[in-house]
C-alpha atoms as a PDB file:
ATOM      1  CA  MET A   1       6.116  15.344  14.552  1.00  0.00           C
ATOM      2  CA  ASN A   2       6.622  11.983  12.850  1.00  0.00           C
ATOM      3  CA  GLU A   3       4.066  10.979  10.279  1.00  0.00           C
ATOM      4  CA  PRO A   4       2.608   7.508  10.856  1.00  0.00           C
ATOM      5  CA  ASN A   5       3.969   4.681   8.751  1.00  0.00           C
ATOM      6  CA  LYS A   6       1.465   4.098   5.923  1.00  0.00           C
ATOM      7  CA  THR A   7       3.433   1.567   3.905  1.00  0.00           C
ATOM      8  CA  ASP A   8       1.335  -1.262   2.446  1.00  0.00           C
ATOM      9  CA  TYR A   9       3.437  -4.241   3.524  1.00  0.00           C
ATOM     10  CA  ALA A  10       0.874  -6.702   2.174  1.00  0.00           C
ATOM     11  CA  ALA A  11       1.461  -5.181  -1.283  1.00  0.00           C
ATOM     12  CA  ILE A  12       5.212  -5.731  -0.862  1.00  0.00           C
ATOM     13  CA  ARG A  13       4.518  -9.376   0.028  1.00  0.00           C
ATOM     14  CA  ARG A  14       2.287  -9.704  -3.090  1.00  0.00           C
ATOM     15  CA  ARG A  15       5.068  -8.144  -5.174  1.00  0.00           C
ATOM     16  CA  PHE A  16       7.457 -10.765  -3.756  1.00  0.00           C
ATOM     17  CA  GLU A  17       5.026 -13.536  -4.774  1.00  0.00           C
ATOM     18  CA  GLN A  18       4.955 -12.184  -8.343  1.00  0.00           C
ATOM     19  CA  LEU A  19       8.743 -12.225  -8.704  1.00  0.00           C
ATOM     20  CA  GLY A  20      10.330 -15.049 -10.637  1.00  0.00           C
ATOM     21  CA  SER A  21      11.564 -18.076  -8.739  1.00  0.00           C
ATOM     22  CA  GLY A  22      15.203 -17.080  -9.320  1.00  0.00           C
ATOM     23  CA  VAL A  23      14.697 -13.667  -7.722  1.00  0.00           C
ATOM     24  CA  GLN A  24      12.805 -15.223  -4.808  1.00  0.00           C
ATOM     25  CA  ALA A  25      15.592 -17.761  -4.342  1.00  0.00           C
ATOM     26  CA  ASP A  26      18.191 -14.989  -4.353  1.00  0.00           C
ATOM     27  CA  LEU A  27      16.349 -13.286  -1.478  1.00  0.00           C
ATOM     28  CA  ARG A  28      16.089 -16.576   0.432  1.00  0.00           C
ATOM     29  CA  ARG A  29      19.847 -17.134   0.072  1.00  0.00           C
ATOM     30  CA  ALA A  30      20.768 -13.902   1.852  1.00  0.00           C
ATOM     31  CA  THR A  31      22.685 -14.729   5.018  1.00  0.00           C
ATOM     32  CA  ASP A  32      22.722 -11.289   6.663  1.00  0.00           C
ATOM     33  CA  PRO A  33      20.183  -8.470   6.334  1.00  0.00           C
ATOM     34  CA  TYR A  34      22.685  -5.613   6.509  1.00  0.00           C
ATOM     35  CA  GLN A  35      25.804  -6.939   4.763  1.00  0.00           C
ATOM     36  CA  ASP A  36      24.817  -9.680   2.317  1.00  0.00           C
ATOM     37  CA  LEU A  37      21.287  -8.649   1.302  1.00  0.00           C
ATOM     38  CA  PRO A  38      22.180  -5.196  -0.126  1.00  0.00           C
ATOM     39  CA  MET A  39      24.702  -6.925  -2.403  1.00  0.00           C
ATOM     40  CA  ARG A  40      21.967  -8.999  -4.065  1.00  0.00           C
ATOM     41  CA  PRO A  41      20.099  -7.730  -7.140  1.00  0.00           C
ATOM     42  CA  ALA A  42      16.882  -9.338  -5.893  1.00  0.00           C
ATOM     43  CA  TYR A  43      16.714  -6.861  -3.021  1.00  0.00           C
ATOM     44  CA  TYR A  44      16.578  -3.905  -5.415  1.00  0.00           C
ATOM     45  CA  THR A  45      14.105  -5.701  -7.672  1.00  0.00           C
ATOM     46  CA  LEU A  46      11.737  -6.046  -4.710  1.00  0.00           C
ATOM     47  CA  MET A  47      12.352  -2.857  -2.727  1.00  0.00           C
ATOM     48  CA  GLY A  48      13.709  -0.304  -5.181  1.00  0.00           C
ATOM     49  CA  PRO A  49      16.900   1.737  -5.008  1.00  0.00           C
ATOM     50  CA  GLN A  50      16.780   2.867  -1.379  1.00  0.00           C
ATOM     51  CA  ASN A  51      18.825   0.886   1.074  1.00  0.00           C
ATOM     52  CA  HIS A  52      17.260   1.711   4.472  1.00  0.00           C
ATOM     53  CA  LYS A  53      17.615  -0.690   7.391  1.00  0.00           C
ATOM     54  CA  ASN A  54      13.845  -0.983   7.759  1.00  0.00           C
ATOM     55  CA  LYS A  55      13.524  -2.114   4.121  1.00  0.00           C
ATOM     56  CA  LEU A  56      16.426  -4.535   4.539  1.00  0.00           C
ATOM     57  CA  ARG A  57      14.719  -6.165   7.542  1.00  0.00           C
ATOM     58  CA  ILE A  58      11.471  -6.584   5.610  1.00  0.00           C
ATOM     59  CA  ALA A  59      13.150  -8.000   2.493  1.00  0.00           C
ATOM     60  CA  PHE A  60      15.253 -10.373   4.625  1.00  0.00           C
ATOM     61  CA  LEU A  61      12.171 -11.935   6.219  1.00  0.00           C
ATOM     62  CA  ILE A  62       9.510 -11.602   3.527  1.00  0.00           C
ATOM     63  CA  PRO A  63      10.153 -15.045   1.971  1.00  0.00           C
ATOM     64  CA  TRP A  64       9.482 -16.787   5.283  1.00  0.00           C
ATOM     65  CA  ALA A  65       5.970 -15.625   6.238  1.00  0.00           C
ATOM     66  CA  GLU A  66       2.871 -15.729   4.054  1.00  0.00           C
ATOM     67  CA  HIS A  67       0.249 -12.984   4.115  1.00  0.00           C
ATOM     68  CA  ARG A  68      -3.277 -13.500   5.357  1.00  0.00           C
ATOM     69  CA  GLU A  69      -5.496 -10.422   5.577  1.00  0.00           C
ATOM     70  CA  GLY A  70      -6.561 -10.070   9.208  1.00  0.00           C
ATOM     71  CA  GLY A  71      -4.230 -12.947  10.111  1.00  0.00           C
ATOM     72  CA  ASP A  72      -2.286 -13.432  13.293  1.00  0.00           C
ATOM     73  CA  THR A  73       0.335 -11.083  14.601  1.00  0.00           C
ATOM     74  CA  LEU A  74       3.850 -12.461  14.814  1.00  0.00           C
ATOM     75  CA  GLY A  75       3.616 -12.996  18.586  1.00  0.00           C
ATOM     76  CA  VAL A  76       0.361 -14.942  18.240  1.00  0.00           C
ATOM     77  CA  ALA A  77       1.778 -17.080  15.404  1.00  0.00           C
ATOM     78  CA  ILE A  78       4.837 -17.921  17.515  1.00  0.00           C
ATOM     79  CA  ALA A  79       2.643 -18.842  20.495  1.00  0.00           C
ATOM     80  CA  LYS A  80       0.351 -21.011  18.344  1.00  0.00           C
ATOM     81  CA  ALA A  81       3.403 -22.832  17.028  1.00  0.00           C
ATOM     82  CA  LYS A  82       4.359 -23.602  20.650  1.00  0.00           C
ATOM     83  CA  ILE A  83       7.796 -22.019  20.388  1.00  0.00           C
ATOM     84  CA  SER A  84       9.348 -21.973  23.858  1.00  0.00           C
ATOM     85  CA  GLU A  85       9.639 -18.694  25.691  1.00  0.00           C
ATOM     86  CA  LYS A  86      13.338 -19.450  26.204  1.00  0.00           C
ATOM     87  CA  ARG A  87      13.876 -19.474  22.438  1.00  0.00           C
ATOM     88  CA  LEU A  88      11.786 -16.348  21.972  1.00  0.00           C
ATOM     89  CA  PHE A  89      13.743 -14.458  24.649  1.00  0.00           C
ATOM     90  CA  GLN A  90      17.017 -15.630  23.141  1.00  0.00           C
ATOM     91  CA  MET A  91      15.971 -14.024  19.860  1.00  0.00           C
ATOM     92  CA  ILE A  92      14.592 -10.853  21.469  1.00  0.00           C
ATOM     93  CA  ARG A  93      17.712 -10.261  23.569  1.00  0.00           C
ATOM     94  CA  SER A  94      20.163 -10.833  20.731  1.00  0.00           C
ATOM     95  CA  THR A  95      21.698  -7.853  19.008  1.00  0.00           C
ATOM     96  CA  ALA A  96      21.418  -7.043  15.325  1.00  0.00           C
ATOM     97  CA  PRO A  97      21.803  -8.765  12.969  1.00  0.00           C
ATOM     98  CA  ASN A  98      21.700 -11.967  15.026  1.00  0.00           C
ATOM     99  CA  ASN A  99      18.193 -11.260  16.316  1.00  0.00           C
ATOM    100  CA  LEU A 100      16.904 -11.079  12.737  1.00  0.00           C
ATOM    101  CA  ILE A 101      18.804 -14.203  11.715  1.00  0.00           C
ATOM    102  CA  GLN A 102      17.263 -16.053  14.678  1.00  0.00           C
ATOM    103  CA  LEU A 103      13.835 -14.656  13.822  1.00  0.00           C
ATOM    104  CA  ARG A 104      14.270 -15.927  10.267  1.00  0.00           C
ATOM    105  CA  ARG A 105      15.017 -19.414  11.645  1.00  0.00           C
ATOM    106  CA  LEU A 106      11.828 -19.238  13.718  1.00  0.00           C
ATOM    107  CA  LEU A 107       9.810 -18.217  10.673  1.00  0.00           C
ATOM    108  CA  GLN A 108      11.357 -21.016   8.607  1.00  0.00           C
ATOM    109  CA  GLN A 109      10.333 -23.493  11.294  1.00  0.00           C
ATOM    110  CA  ILE A 110       6.746 -22.350  11.799  1.00  0.00           C
ATOM    111  CA  ASN A 111       5.880 -21.073   8.276  1.00  0.00           C
ATOM    112  CA  PRO A 112       3.299 -18.602   9.598  1.00  0.00           C
ATOM    113  CA  LYS A 113       0.396 -16.970   7.794  1.00  0.00           C
ATOM    114  CA  VAL A 114       0.320 -13.501   9.294  1.00  0.00           C
ATOM    115  CA  ASP A 115      -1.067 -10.084   8.519  1.00  0.00           C
ATOM    116  CA  TRP A 116       1.909  -8.513   6.744  1.00  0.00           C
ATOM    117  CA  ASN A 117       0.654  -5.007   7.445  1.00  0.00           C
ATOM    118  CA  GLN A 118       1.160  -5.720  11.152  1.00  0.00           C
ATOM    119  CA  LEU A 119       4.392  -7.694  10.730  1.00  0.00           C
ATOM    120  CA  GLY A 120       5.782  -5.040   8.408  1.00  0.00           C
ATOM    121  CA  LYS A 121       5.254  -2.336  11.034  1.00  0.00           C
ATOM    122  CA  THR A 122       6.989  -4.491  13.639  1.00  0.00           C
ATOM    123  CA  LEU A 123       9.988  -4.987  11.340  1.00  0.00           C
ATOM    124  CA  HIS A 124       9.966  -1.385  10.141  1.00  0.00           C
ATOM    125  CA  TYR A 125      10.626  -0.114  13.653  1.00  0.00           C
ATOM    126  CA  TRP A 126      12.249  -3.257  15.179  1.00  0.00           C
ATOM    127  CA  ASN A 127      13.130  -1.498  18.395  1.00  0.00           C
ATOM    128  CA  GLU A 128      12.609  -2.169  22.078  1.00  0.00           C
ATOM    129  CA  ILE A 129       8.951  -1.150  21.905  1.00  0.00           C
ATOM    130  CA  SER A 130       8.088  -3.357  18.915  1.00  0.00           C
ATOM    131  CA  ARG A 131       9.931  -6.329  20.426  1.00  0.00           C
ATOM    132  CA  ARG A 132       8.109  -5.810  23.745  1.00  0.00           C
ATOM    133  CA  GLN A 133       4.792  -5.770  21.833  1.00  0.00           C
ATOM    134  CA  LEU A 134       5.791  -9.056  20.204  1.00  0.00           C
ATOM    135  CA  LEU A 135       6.365 -10.540  23.684  1.00  0.00           C
ATOM    136  CA  GLU A 136       3.030  -9.209  24.924  1.00  0.00           C
ATOM    137  CA  GLN A 137       1.231 -10.751  21.938  1.00  0.00           C
ATOM    138  CA  TYR A 138       3.003 -14.046  22.620  1.00  0.00           C
ATOM    139  CA  TYR A 139       2.056 -14.134  26.299  1.00  0.00           C
ATOM    140  CA  GLN A 140      -1.525 -13.013  25.670  1.00  0.00           C
ATOM    141  CA  ALA A 141      -1.989 -15.760  23.069  1.00  0.00           C
ATOM    142  CA  SER A 142      -0.345 -18.305  25.368  1.00  0.00           C
ATOM    143  CA  ALA A 143      -2.657 -17.296  28.230  1.00  0.00           C
ATOM    144  CA  ASN A 144      -5.716 -17.498  25.985  1.00  0.00           C
ATOM    145  CA  HIS A 145      -4.635 -20.948  24.797  1.00  0.00           C
ATOM    146  CA  HIS A 146      -4.333 -22.179  28.398  1.00  0.00           C
ATOM    147  CA  ASP A 147      -7.788 -20.767  29.253  1.00  0.00           C
ATOM    148  CA  GLU A 148      -9.458 -22.813  26.516  1.00  0.00           C
END
């Protein structure tokens, strides 16, 4: 039986904030989460010596979303920013690493303040189920916005 993921992603985001500006810039310059990022010293400074895909996804996107305890989920933040469903589906349906590169562009555009413990779990698994949950959050937030 798999043990639940208990990683403190908010602590990883705080660790990122405490890094020097040069290390942060090196992470922001990464062009691909699976090829380019593991060749950058900043990745290992932030995440340690293990090079797992889930850690690569988190490090690739951590510069582009701030942490707010109890903040929005990613789907809610995207809905609040009025990102079109067409653009969201384009990102969701893309294959790796393009889906993460497109997600990074979205994050750069909207500069969200999200709960990193929730976003980190989404990125940790980044599978069909987590992407479907992102869509459900988006549509629920969009429906709530229209009801107001």
